[in-house]
């Protein structure tokens, strides 16, 4: 059970980082397109 919670937290952290990078990339493209 404890191990499962750790996996979920790790997945959430990865997800947050992924979307943060995704948003940054999208904003960069929008700025480039002007």
N, C-alpha and C. Protein backbone atom coordinates (compact mmCIF):
# COMPACT_ATOMS: atom_id res chain seq x y z
N UNK A 1 0.84 -1.21 0.00
CA UNK A 1 0.00 0.00 0.00
C UNK A 1 0.87 1.26 0.00
N UNK A 2 1.85 1.25 0.90
CA UNK A 2 2.75 2.40 0.99
C UNK A 2 3.51 2.59 -0.32
N UNK A 3 3.95 1.48 -0.89
CA UNK A 3 4.70 1.51 -2.15
C UNK A 3 3.81 2.08 -3.26
N UNK A 4 2.54 1.72 -3.21
CA UNK A 4 1.60 2.19 -4.21
C UNK A 4 1.45 3.71 -4.14
N UNK A 5 1.37 4.24 -2.93
CA UNK A 5 1.25 5.69 -2.75
C UNK A 5 2.49 6.39 -3.30
N UNK A 6 3.65 5.79 -3.09
CA UNK A 6 4.89 6.38 -3.62
C UNK A 6 4.85 6.43 -5.14
N UNK A 7 4.34 5.37 -5.73
CA UNK A 7 4.26 5.32 -7.20
C UNK A 7 3.31 6.40 -7.71
N UNK A 8 2.20 6.57 -7.02
CA UNK A 8 1.22 7.58 -7.43
C UNK A 8 1.83 8.97 -7.31
N UNK A 9 2.54 9.23 -6.22
CA UNK A 9 3.19 10.53 -6.05
C UNK A 9 4.22 10.77 -7.14
N UNK A 10 4.99 9.75 -7.46
CA UNK A 10 6.00 9.87 -8.50
C UNK A 10 5.33 10.18 -9.84
N UNK A 11 4.23 9.50 -10.12
CA UNK A 11 3.51 9.72 -11.37
C UNK A 11 2.96 11.15 -11.42
N UNK A 12 2.46 11.63 -10.29
CA UNK A 12 1.92 12.99 -10.24
C UNK A 12 3.01 14.01 -10.47
N UNK A 13 4.16 13.80 -9.85
CA UNK A 13 5.28 14.73 -10.03
C UNK A 13 5.72 14.74 -11.49
N UNK A 14 5.81 13.55 -12.08
CA UNK A 14 6.22 13.45 -13.48
C UNK A 14 5.21 14.18 -14.36
N UNK A 15 3.94 13.96 -14.07
CA UNK A 15 2.86 14.58 -14.83
C UNK A 15 2.95 16.11 -14.74
N UNK A 16 3.17 16.61 -13.53
CA UNK A 16 3.25 18.06 -13.34
C UNK A 16 4.42 18.63 -14.14
N UNK A 17 5.57 17.94 -14.08
CA UNK A 17 6.74 18.41 -14.83
C UNK A 17 6.47 18.35 -16.32
N UNK A 18 5.84 17.27 -16.77
CA UNK A 18 5.54 17.12 -18.19
C UNK A 18 4.66 18.27 -18.68
N UNK A 19 3.59 18.56 -17.95
CA UNK A 19 2.68 19.62 -18.39
C UNK A 19 3.32 20.98 -18.30
N UNK A 20 4.22 21.16 -17.30
CA UNK A 20 4.92 22.43 -17.16
C UNK A 20 5.79 22.64 -18.40
N UNK A 21 6.52 21.59 -18.80
CA UNK A 21 7.38 21.66 -20.00
C UNK A 21 6.52 21.88 -21.24
N UNK A 22 5.39 21.20 -21.28
CA UNK A 22 4.49 21.30 -22.43
C UNK A 22 4.00 22.74 -22.58
N UNK A 23 3.56 23.33 -21.46
CA UNK A 23 3.08 24.72 -21.49
C UNK A 23 4.19 25.67 -21.89
N UNK A 24 5.39 25.44 -21.38
CA UNK A 24 6.53 26.31 -21.71
C UNK A 24 6.80 26.24 -23.22
N UNK A 25 6.78 25.03 -23.75
CA UNK A 25 7.02 24.85 -25.18
C UNK A 25 5.93 25.52 -26.00
N UNK A 26 4.69 25.39 -25.57
CA UNK A 26 3.58 25.97 -26.29
C UNK A 26 3.68 27.49 -26.28
N UNK A 27 4.03 28.04 -25.11
CA UNK A 27 4.18 29.50 -25.00
C UNK A 27 5.31 29.99 -25.89
N UNK A 28 6.39 29.22 -25.96
CA UNK A 28 7.52 29.60 -26.80
C UNK A 28 7.11 29.62 -28.27
N UNK A 29 6.33 28.61 -28.67
CA UNK A 29 5.87 28.55 -30.05
C UNK A 29 4.95 29.73 -30.35
N UNK A 30 4.06 30.03 -29.42
CA UNK A 30 3.14 31.15 -29.62
C UNK A 30 3.91 32.46 -29.75
N UNK A 31 4.94 32.63 -28.92
CA UNK A 31 5.75 33.85 -28.98
C UNK A 31 6.49 33.92 -30.31
N UNK A 32 6.98 32.77 -30.78
CA UNK A 32 7.71 32.72 -32.04
C UNK A 32 6.77 33.05 -33.22
N UNK A 33 5.53 32.57 -33.12
CA UNK A 33 4.57 32.84 -34.18
C UNK A 33 4.11 34.30 -34.13
N UNK A 34 4.18 34.88 -32.93
CA UNK A 34 3.85 36.29 -32.76
C UNK A 34 2.39 36.57 -33.00
